[in-house]
């Protein structure tokens, strides 16, 4: 599977997206980068990928995780170089279609997150399966251009 969503280099040298997280995690993220987490493709625990959730919507109120506190308490700006994008950065709904995620699971995740799945992306280093040993490398700290506590 390969995404061609961002192969238009007229967009500039990078693609800017955002990652929302807990404020107490910002120092570690700025120092170490973003580590991968579960990208579940079904309700079965052993199905999915290891990756990083991102969004094209910088508005914390649109995230549904709890604006100002909780997971939407800090916004990390990530500038992904275009040379790193093919095969690694996917619109969530496009990935869901390609891998055949069932509608009920898409609806469940969207509801849990408070909506907004149309703006979600996942960065998956090498499309590593969920249980791949040593699959923790994610987005390097050098790609983080800005952060703020909301």
C-alpha atoms as a PDB file:
ATOM      1  CA  UNK A   1       0.000   0.000   0.000  1.00  0.00           C
ATOM      2  CA  UNK A   2       1.383   3.416  -0.880  1.00  0.00           C
ATOM      3  CA  UNK A   3      -0.162   6.823  -0.493  1.00  0.00           C
ATOM      4  CA  UNK A   4       0.274   9.416  -3.205  1.00  0.00           C
ATOM      5  CA  UNK A   5      -1.657  12.076  -1.309  1.00  0.00           C
ATOM      6  CA  UNK A   6       1.318  14.410  -0.802  1.00  0.00           C
ATOM      7  CA  UNK A   7       3.580  13.885  -3.777  1.00  0.00           C
ATOM      8  CA  UNK A   8       2.813  17.405  -5.053  1.00  0.00           C
ATOM      9  CA  UNK A   9       6.030  19.243  -4.213  1.00  0.00           C
ATOM     10  CA  UNK A  10       4.420  22.565  -5.102  1.00  0.00           C
ATOM     11  CA  UNK A  11       3.022  22.409  -1.556  1.00  0.00           C
ATOM     12  CA  UNK A  12       6.510  23.221  -0.247  1.00  0.00           C
ATOM     13  CA  UNK A  13       9.244  21.196   1.408  1.00  0.00           C
ATOM     14  CA  UNK A  14       7.079  19.918   4.271  1.00  0.00           C
ATOM     15  CA  UNK A  15       3.518  19.018   5.223  1.00  0.00           C
ATOM     16  CA  UNK A  16       2.372  20.602   8.509  1.00  0.00           C
ATOM     17  CA  UNK A  17       0.056  18.599  10.749  1.00  0.00           C
ATOM     18  CA  UNK A  18      -0.698  18.646  14.480  1.00  0.00           C
ATOM     19  CA  UNK A  19      -0.598  16.143  17.298  1.00  0.00           C
ATOM     20  CA  UNK A  20      -2.541  16.743  20.512  1.00  0.00           C
ATOM     21  CA  UNK A  21      -1.394  15.292  23.795  1.00  0.00           C
ATOM     22  CA  UNK A  22      -1.307  15.733  27.566  1.00  0.00           C
ATOM     23  CA  UNK A  23       0.650  18.823  28.738  1.00  0.00           C
ATOM     24  CA  UNK A  24       2.902  16.732  30.994  1.00  0.00           C
ATOM     25  CA  UNK A  25       4.180  14.805  27.938  1.00  0.00           C
ATOM     26  CA  UNK A  26       5.441  17.850  26.012  1.00  0.00           C
ATOM     27  CA  UNK A  27       8.979  17.976  27.445  1.00  0.00           C
ATOM     28  CA  UNK A  28       9.647  14.328  26.583  1.00  0.00           C
ATOM     29  CA  UNK A  29       8.135  14.702  23.101  1.00  0.00           C
ATOM     30  CA  UNK A  30      10.195  17.804  22.313  1.00  0.00           C
ATOM     31  CA  UNK A  31      13.352  15.997  23.488  1.00  0.00           C
ATOM     32  CA  UNK A  32      12.716  12.546  21.969  1.00  0.00           C
ATOM     33  CA  UNK A  33      10.110  13.017  19.241  1.00  0.00           C
ATOM     34  CA  UNK A  34       6.765  11.273  18.986  1.00  0.00           C
ATOM     35  CA  UNK A  35       6.740   7.558  19.716  1.00  0.00           C
ATOM     36  CA  UNK A  36       4.361   5.218  17.949  1.00  0.00           C
ATOM     37  CA  UNK A  37       1.180   3.989  19.548  1.00  0.00           C
ATOM     38  CA  UNK A  38      -1.639   1.672  18.488  1.00  0.00           C
ATOM     39  CA  UNK A  39      -3.540   2.374  15.265  1.00  0.00           C
ATOM     40  CA  UNK A  40      -6.300  -0.217  15.726  1.00  0.00           C
ATOM     41  CA  UNK A  41      -7.972  -1.481  12.567  1.00  0.00           C
ATOM     42  CA  UNK A  42     -10.539  -3.616  14.398  1.00  0.00           C
ATOM     43  CA  UNK A  43     -11.884  -4.270  17.860  1.00  0.00           C
ATOM     44  CA  UNK A  44      -9.553  -7.289  18.017  1.00  0.00           C
ATOM     45  CA  UNK A  45      -6.477  -6.278  19.985  1.00  0.00           C
ATOM     46  CA  UNK A  46      -3.977  -7.965  17.687  1.00  0.00           C
ATOM     47  CA  UNK A  47      -4.977  -6.165  14.491  1.00  0.00           C
ATOM     48  CA  UNK A  48      -3.622  -2.837  13.379  1.00  0.00           C
ATOM     49  CA  UNK A  49      -0.413  -0.876  13.033  1.00  0.00           C
ATOM     50  CA  UNK A  50       2.045   1.050  15.184  1.00  0.00           C
ATOM     51  CA  UNK A  51       1.973   4.713  14.260  1.00  0.00           C
ATOM     52  CA  UNK A  52       1.184   8.268  15.264  1.00  0.00           C
ATOM     53  CA  UNK A  53      -2.183   9.984  15.085  1.00  0.00           C
ATOM     54  CA  UNK A  54      -2.087  13.453  13.493  1.00  0.00           C
ATOM     55  CA  UNK A  55      -4.669  15.947  12.299  1.00  0.00           C
ATOM     56  CA  UNK A  56      -4.865  18.717   9.728  1.00  0.00           C
ATOM     57  CA  UNK A  57      -7.131  20.686  12.089  1.00  0.00           C
ATOM     58  CA  UNK A  58      -5.118  22.774  14.582  1.00  0.00           C
ATOM     59  CA  UNK A  59      -8.253  23.743  16.536  1.00  0.00           C
ATOM     60  CA  UNK A  60      -8.167  22.031  19.959  1.00  0.00           C
ATOM     61  CA  UNK A  61     -11.939  22.420  20.295  1.00  0.00           C
ATOM     62  CA  UNK A  62     -12.389  20.206  17.224  1.00  0.00           C
ATOM     63  CA  UNK A  63     -10.427  17.321  18.705  1.00  0.00           C
ATOM     64  CA  UNK A  64     -13.044  15.987  21.071  1.00  0.00           C
ATOM     65  CA  UNK A  65     -10.444  14.696  23.532  1.00  0.00           C
ATOM     66  CA  UNK A  66     -11.258  17.398  26.073  1.00  0.00           C
ATOM     67  CA  UNK A  67     -10.098  20.892  25.142  1.00  0.00           C
ATOM     68  CA  UNK A  68      -7.661  22.613  27.489  1.00  0.00           C
ATOM     69  CA  UNK A  69      -7.260  19.593  29.729  1.00  0.00           C
ATOM     70  CA  UNK A  70      -6.558  15.991  29.047  1.00  0.00           C
ATOM     71  CA  UNK A  71      -5.321  14.845  25.676  1.00  0.00           C
ATOM     72  CA  UNK A  72      -6.076  18.135  23.895  1.00  0.00           C
ATOM     73  CA  UNK A  73      -4.176  20.143  26.517  1.00  0.00           C
ATOM     74  CA  UNK A  74      -1.083  20.578  24.353  1.00  0.00           C
ATOM     75  CA  UNK A  75      -0.659  21.049  20.614  1.00  0.00           C
ATOM     76  CA  UNK A  76       2.499  19.859  18.854  1.00  0.00           C
ATOM     77  CA  UNK A  77       3.192  21.212  15.344  1.00  0.00           C
ATOM     78  CA  UNK A  78       4.849  18.602  13.138  1.00  0.00           C
ATOM     79  CA  UNK A  79       6.464  19.458   9.798  1.00  0.00           C
ATOM     80  CA  UNK A  80       6.871  16.202   7.890  1.00  0.00           C
ATOM     81  CA  UNK A  81       9.414  16.434   5.051  1.00  0.00           C
ATOM     82  CA  UNK A  82       8.004  15.438   1.687  1.00  0.00           C
ATOM     83  CA  UNK A  83      10.825  12.945   1.163  1.00  0.00           C
ATOM     84  CA  UNK A  84       9.488  11.026   4.184  1.00  0.00           C
ATOM     85  CA  UNK A  85       5.849  10.981   3.109  1.00  0.00           C
ATOM     86  CA  UNK A  86       5.316   8.318   0.406  1.00  0.00           C
ATOM     87  CA  UNK A  87       4.233   5.110   2.048  1.00  0.00           C
ATOM     88  CA  UNK A  88       4.247   6.575   5.539  1.00  0.00           C
ATOM     89  CA  UNK A  89       1.570   9.266   5.862  1.00  0.00           C
ATOM     90  CA  UNK A  90      -2.050   8.359   5.216  1.00  0.00           C
ATOM     91  CA  UNK A  91      -5.385  10.033   5.570  1.00  0.00           C
ATOM     92  CA  UNK A  92      -7.158   7.904   8.151  1.00  0.00           C
ATOM     93  CA  UNK A  93     -10.265   7.316   6.042  1.00  0.00           C
ATOM     94  CA  UNK A  94      -8.183   6.372   2.969  1.00  0.00           C
ATOM     95  CA  UNK A  95      -6.147   3.884   5.003  1.00  0.00           C
ATOM     96  CA  UNK A  96      -9.366   2.512   6.469  1.00  0.00           C
ATOM     97  CA  UNK A  97     -10.751   1.893   2.988  1.00  0.00           C
ATOM     98  CA  UNK A  98      -7.576   0.248   1.693  1.00  0.00           C
ATOM     99  CA  UNK A  99      -7.195  -2.141   4.631  1.00  0.00           C
ATOM    100  CA  UNK A 100     -10.936  -2.819   4.841  1.00  0.00           C
ATOM    101  CA  UNK A 101     -11.795  -1.427   8.270  1.00  0.00           C
ATOM    102  CA  UNK A 102     -15.412  -2.180   9.023  1.00  0.00           C
ATOM    103  CA  UNK A 103     -17.856   0.730   9.255  1.00  0.00           C
ATOM    104  CA  UNK A 104     -18.871  -0.084  12.826  1.00  0.00           C
ATOM    105  CA  UNK A 105     -15.225   0.253  13.934  1.00  0.00           C
ATOM    106  CA  UNK A 106     -14.766   3.579  12.133  1.00  0.00           C
ATOM    107  CA  UNK A 107     -17.929   4.866  13.793  1.00  0.00           C
ATOM    108  CA  UNK A 108     -16.741   3.620  17.198  1.00  0.00           C
ATOM    109  CA  UNK A 109     -13.343   5.326  16.972  1.00  0.00           C
ATOM    110  CA  UNK A 110     -14.894   8.533  15.655  1.00  0.00           C
ATOM    111  CA  UNK A 111     -17.379   8.580  18.527  1.00  0.00           C
ATOM    112  CA  UNK A 112     -14.695   7.901  21.151  1.00  0.00           C
ATOM    113  CA  UNK A 113     -12.585  10.768  19.782  1.00  0.00           C
ATOM    114  CA  UNK A 114     -15.527  13.160  19.625  1.00  0.00           C
ATOM    115  CA  UNK A 115     -15.690  13.239  15.819  1.00  0.00           C
ATOM    116  CA  UNK A 116     -13.477  14.795  13.211  1.00  0.00           C
ATOM    117  CA  UNK A 117     -12.109  11.686  11.508  1.00  0.00           C
ATOM    118  CA  UNK A 118     -12.204  13.513   8.157  1.00  0.00           C
ATOM    119  CA  UNK A 119      -9.154  15.508   9.324  1.00  0.00           C
ATOM    120  CA  UNK A 120      -7.180  12.601  10.808  1.00  0.00           C
ATOM    121  CA  UNK A 121      -3.910  11.244   9.482  1.00  0.00           C
ATOM    122  CA  UNK A 122      -1.697   8.422  10.611  1.00  0.00           C
ATOM    123  CA  UNK A 123       2.059   8.348  10.201  1.00  0.00           C
ATOM    124  CA  UNK A 124       3.147   4.719  10.044  1.00  0.00           C
ATOM    125  CA  UNK A 125       6.893   4.127   9.813  1.00  0.00           C
ATOM    126  CA  UNK A 126       7.237   1.384   7.216  1.00  0.00           C
ATOM    127  CA  UNK A 127       3.683   0.121   7.824  1.00  0.00           C
ATOM    128  CA  UNK A 128       4.942  -2.007  10.702  1.00  0.00           C
ATOM    129  CA  UNK A 129       2.341  -4.423  12.048  1.00  0.00           C
ATOM    130  CA  UNK A 130       0.941  -3.719  15.497  1.00  0.00           C
ATOM    131  CA  UNK A 131       3.035  -6.374  17.237  1.00  0.00           C
ATOM    132  CA  UNK A 132       6.313  -5.870  15.346  1.00  0.00           C
ATOM    133  CA  UNK A 133       9.207  -6.013  17.876  1.00  0.00           C
ATOM    134  CA  UNK A 134      11.198  -2.790  18.124  1.00  0.00           C
ATOM    135  CA  UNK A 135       8.591  -0.811  16.200  1.00  0.00           C
ATOM    136  CA  UNK A 136       8.738   2.243  18.465  1.00  0.00           C
ATOM    137  CA  UNK A 137      10.550   4.701  16.165  1.00  0.00           C
ATOM    138  CA  UNK A 138       8.175   7.423  15.142  1.00  0.00           C
ATOM    139  CA  UNK A 139       8.472  11.113  14.319  1.00  0.00           C
ATOM    140  CA  UNK A 140      11.891  12.566  15.194  1.00  0.00           C
ATOM    141  CA  UNK A 141      12.167  15.635  17.415  1.00  0.00           C
ATOM    142  CA  UNK A 142      13.673  17.574  14.488  1.00  0.00           C
ATOM    143  CA  UNK A 143      10.273  17.524  12.769  1.00  0.00           C
ATOM    144  CA  UNK A 144       8.623  19.329  15.703  1.00  0.00           C
ATOM    145  CA  UNK A 145       8.568  23.026  14.844  1.00  0.00           C
ATOM    146  CA  UNK A 146       6.387  24.402  17.636  1.00  0.00           C
ATOM    147  CA  UNK A 147       4.452  23.349  20.724  1.00  0.00           C
ATOM    148  CA  UNK A 148       2.127  25.056  23.137  1.00  0.00           C
ATOM    149  CA  UNK A 149       0.153  24.307  26.268  1.00  0.00           C
ATOM    150  CA  UNK A 150      -3.461  25.245  25.629  1.00  0.00           C
END
